[in-house]
Amino acid sequence: MKKIIPLLLIAVAIISCDSKTNKNNKQSIENADVTDLVTVIINIDGMTCNGCENAIIKSITSLDGVQKAEASYSEGIAKVTFDTTSTSIKSISEAITQTGYETTGYKME
């Protein structure tokens, strides 16, 4: 009898730890923020100054799902990180075009 009680206590401790680990794993999966973030570099014609960069960044960041946007007139590009479940490359390109610039292609980063 003396040998059975310590073994039972060890078994209960192992089961208890295992169930806590499973609960924690389940919570982290349930609470996960699932997004489909991608980064794309869009070629842009017509930028000539910092004001152009700012206008493009403003138009891009006004779109839902855009996490980050940078523009460089010297390189003729905008680098955009966005959630594909909220917006698209086409929507970003249209926002740039509506600002008065021409998009000439893109590449995924």
C-alpha atoms as a PDB file:
ATOM      1  CA  MET A   1       0.000   0.000   0.000  1.00  0.00           C
ATOM      2  CA  LYS A   2       2.844   2.403   0.819  1.00  0.00           C
ATOM      3  CA  LYS A   3       4.268   1.952  -2.705  1.00  0.00           C
ATOM      4  CA  ILE A   4       0.932   2.544  -4.455  1.00  0.00           C
ATOM      5  CA  ILE A   5       0.227   5.991  -2.959  1.00  0.00           C
ATOM      6  CA  PRO A   6       3.463   7.637  -4.258  1.00  0.00           C
ATOM      7  CA  LEU A   7       2.859   6.110  -7.687  1.00  0.00           C
ATOM      8  CA  LEU A   8      -0.697   7.464  -7.720  1.00  0.00           C
ATOM      9  CA  LEU A   9       0.557  10.927  -6.773  1.00  0.00           C
ATOM     10  CA  ILE A  10       3.095  10.853  -9.593  1.00  0.00           C
ATOM     11  CA  ALA A  11       0.427   9.727 -12.074  1.00  0.00           C
ATOM     12  CA  VAL A  12      -1.942  12.519 -10.981  1.00  0.00           C
ATOM     13  CA  ALA A  13       0.849  15.105 -11.287  1.00  0.00           C
ATOM     14  CA  ILE A  14       1.705  13.957 -14.825  1.00  0.00           C
ATOM     15  CA  ILE A  15      -1.934  14.016 -15.948  1.00  0.00           C
ATOM     16  CA  SER A  16      -2.443  17.441 -14.388  1.00  0.00           C
ATOM     17  CA  CYS A  17       0.600  18.925 -16.149  1.00  0.00           C
ATOM     18  CA  ASP A  18      -0.395  17.406 -19.474  1.00  0.00           C
ATOM     19  CA  SER A  19      -3.944  18.794 -19.327  1.00  0.00           C
ATOM     20  CA  LYS A  20      -2.653  22.297 -18.468  1.00  0.00           C
ATOM     21  CA  THR A  21      -0.255  22.197 -21.418  1.00  0.00           C
ATOM     22  CA  ASN A  22      -3.030  21.145 -23.788  1.00  0.00           C
ATOM     23  CA  LYS A  23      -5.329  23.897 -22.516  1.00  0.00           C
ATOM     24  CA  ASN A  24      -2.616  26.521 -22.994  1.00  0.00           C
ATOM     25  CA  ASN A  25      -1.895  25.309 -26.512  1.00  0.00           C
ATOM     26  CA  LYS A  26      -5.592  25.361 -27.354  1.00  0.00           C
ATOM     27  CA  GLN A  27      -5.994  28.937 -26.104  1.00  0.00           C
ATOM     28  CA  SER A  28      -3.024  30.233 -28.052  1.00  0.00           C
ATOM     29  CA  ILE A  29      -4.369  28.701 -31.257  1.00  0.00           C
ATOM     30  CA  GLU A  30      -7.899  29.994 -30.672  1.00  0.00           C
ATOM     31  CA  ASN A  31      -6.642  33.507 -29.908  1.00  0.00           C
ATOM     32  CA  ALA A  32      -4.187  33.631 -32.801  1.00  0.00           C
ATOM     33  CA  ASP A  33      -4.553  36.588 -35.141  1.00  0.00           C
ATOM     34  CA  VAL A  34      -4.569  34.875 -38.514  1.00  0.00           C
ATOM     35  CA  THR A  35      -3.603  37.087 -41.439  1.00  0.00           C
ATOM     36  CA  ASP A  36      -2.042  36.632 -44.816  1.00  0.00           C
ATOM     37  CA  LEU A  37       0.616  39.352 -44.831  1.00  0.00           C
ATOM     38  CA  VAL A  38       2.711  39.837 -47.938  1.00  0.00           C
ATOM     39  CA  THR A  39       5.193  42.483 -49.004  1.00  0.00           C
ATOM     40  CA  VAL A  40       5.273  43.750 -52.553  1.00  0.00           C
ATOM     41  CA  ILE A  41       7.481  46.277 -54.339  1.00  0.00           C
ATOM     42  CA  ILE A  42       5.539  48.300 -56.893  1.00  0.00           C
ATOM     43  CA  ASN A  43       7.287  50.211 -59.689  1.00  0.00           C
ATOM     44  CA  ILE A  44       5.969  53.752 -60.040  1.00  0.00           C
ATOM     45  CA  ASP A  45       6.566  56.358 -62.758  1.00  0.00           C
ATOM     46  CA  GLY A  46       6.177  60.079 -62.164  1.00  0.00           C
ATOM     47  CA  MET A  47       7.548  60.640 -58.660  1.00  0.00           C
ATOM     48  CA  THR A  48       9.977  63.551 -58.500  1.00  0.00           C
ATOM     49  CA  CYS A  49      10.226  64.581 -54.823  1.00  0.00           C
ATOM     50  CA  ASN A  50       9.486  63.842 -51.175  1.00  0.00           C
ATOM     51  CA  GLY A  51       6.017  65.308 -51.638  1.00  0.00           C
ATOM     52  CA  CYS A  52       5.312  62.620 -54.239  1.00  0.00           C
ATOM     53  CA  GLU A  53       6.463  59.939 -51.793  1.00  0.00           C
ATOM     54  CA  ASN A  54       4.200  61.340 -49.065  1.00  0.00           C
ATOM     55  CA  ALA A  55       1.169  61.513 -51.383  1.00  0.00           C
ATOM     56  CA  ILE A  56       1.645  57.878 -52.413  1.00  0.00           C
ATOM     57  CA  ILE A  57       2.165  56.683 -48.837  1.00  0.00           C
ATOM     58  CA  LYS A  58      -0.973  58.541 -47.741  1.00  0.00           C
ATOM     59  CA  SER A  59      -3.079  57.005 -50.505  1.00  0.00           C
ATOM     60  CA  ILE A  60      -1.779  53.481 -49.830  1.00  0.00           C
ATOM     61  CA  THR A  61      -2.116  53.601 -46.044  1.00  0.00           C
ATOM     62  CA  SER A  62      -5.732  54.739 -46.351  1.00  0.00           C
ATOM     63  CA  LEU A  63      -6.605  51.239 -47.584  1.00  0.00           C
ATOM     64  CA  ASP A  64      -7.827  48.607 -45.126  1.00  0.00           C
ATOM     65  CA  GLY A  65      -5.263  45.902 -44.485  1.00  0.00           C
ATOM     66  CA  VAL A  66      -2.148  47.935 -45.294  1.00  0.00           C
ATOM     67  CA  GLN A  67       0.301  47.413 -42.443  1.00  0.00           C
ATOM     68  CA  LYS A  68       3.257  49.425 -43.739  1.00  0.00           C
ATOM     69  CA  ALA A  69       4.072  51.558 -46.762  1.00  0.00           C
ATOM     70  CA  GLU A  70       7.267  53.230 -47.928  1.00  0.00           C
ATOM     71  CA  ALA A  71       7.976  55.103 -51.158  1.00  0.00           C
ATOM     72  CA  SER A  72      11.171  56.262 -52.832  1.00  0.00           C
ATOM     73  CA  TYR A  73      11.109  58.729 -55.711  1.00  0.00           C
ATOM     74  CA  SER A  74      14.820  58.154 -56.400  1.00  0.00           C
ATOM     75  CA  GLU A  75      14.202  54.409 -56.871  1.00  0.00           C
ATOM     76  CA  GLY A  76      10.734  54.814 -58.391  1.00  0.00           C
ATOM     77  CA  ILE A  77       9.139  52.274 -56.048  1.00  0.00           C
ATOM     78  CA  ALA A  78       6.735  51.771 -53.197  1.00  0.00           C
ATOM     79  CA  LYS A  79       7.215  48.918 -50.742  1.00  0.00           C
ATOM     80  CA  VAL A  80       3.936  47.806 -49.203  1.00  0.00           C
ATOM     81  CA  THR A  81       3.139  45.191 -46.565  1.00  0.00           C
ATOM     82  CA  PHE A  82      -0.537  44.271 -46.511  1.00  0.00           C
ATOM     83  CA  ASP A  83      -3.064  41.624 -45.546  1.00  0.00           C
ATOM     84  CA  THR A  84      -4.353  39.845 -48.650  1.00  0.00           C
ATOM     85  CA  THR A  85      -7.644  39.090 -46.894  1.00  0.00           C
ATOM     86  CA  SER A  86      -8.369  42.846 -46.712  1.00  0.00           C
ATOM     87  CA  THR A  87      -6.894  44.374 -49.869  1.00  0.00           C
ATOM     88  CA  SER A  88      -5.073  43.469 -53.071  1.00  0.00           C
ATOM     89  CA  ILE A  89      -2.217  44.591 -55.286  1.00  0.00           C
ATOM     90  CA  LYS A  90      -4.840  45.804 -57.749  1.00  0.00           C
ATOM     91  CA  SER A  91      -6.456  48.033 -55.091  1.00  0.00           C
ATOM     92  CA  ILE A  92      -3.072  49.419 -54.067  1.00  0.00           C
ATOM     93  CA  SER A  93      -2.179  50.108 -57.719  1.00  0.00           C
ATOM     94  CA  GLU A  94      -5.520  51.874 -58.246  1.00  0.00           C
ATOM     95  CA  ALA A  95      -4.921  54.064 -55.179  1.00  0.00           C
ATOM     96  CA  ILE A  96      -1.525  55.076 -56.585  1.00  0.00           C
ATOM     97  CA  THR A  97      -3.038  55.777 -60.026  1.00  0.00           C
ATOM     98  CA  GLN A  98      -5.805  57.915 -58.492  1.00  0.00           C
ATOM     99  CA  THR A  99      -3.080  59.973 -56.816  1.00  0.00           C
ATOM    100  CA  GLY A 100      -1.679  60.812 -60.265  1.00  0.00           C
ATOM    101  CA  TYR A 101       1.141  58.324 -60.763  1.00  0.00           C
ATOM    102  CA  GLU A 102       1.518  55.296 -63.008  1.00  0.00           C
ATOM    103  CA  THR A 103       2.310  51.818 -61.751  1.00  0.00           C
ATOM    104  CA  THR A 104       4.434  49.762 -64.138  1.00  0.00           C
ATOM    105  CA  GLY A 105       4.684  46.393 -62.441  1.00  0.00           C
ATOM    106  CA  TYR A 106       5.510  44.761 -59.169  1.00  0.00           C
ATOM    107  CA  LYS A 107       7.481  41.967 -57.547  1.00  0.00           C
ATOM    108  CA  MET A 108       6.873  40.004 -54.391  1.00  0.00           C
ATOM    109  CA  GLU A 109       9.474  40.322 -51.698  1.00  0.00           C
END
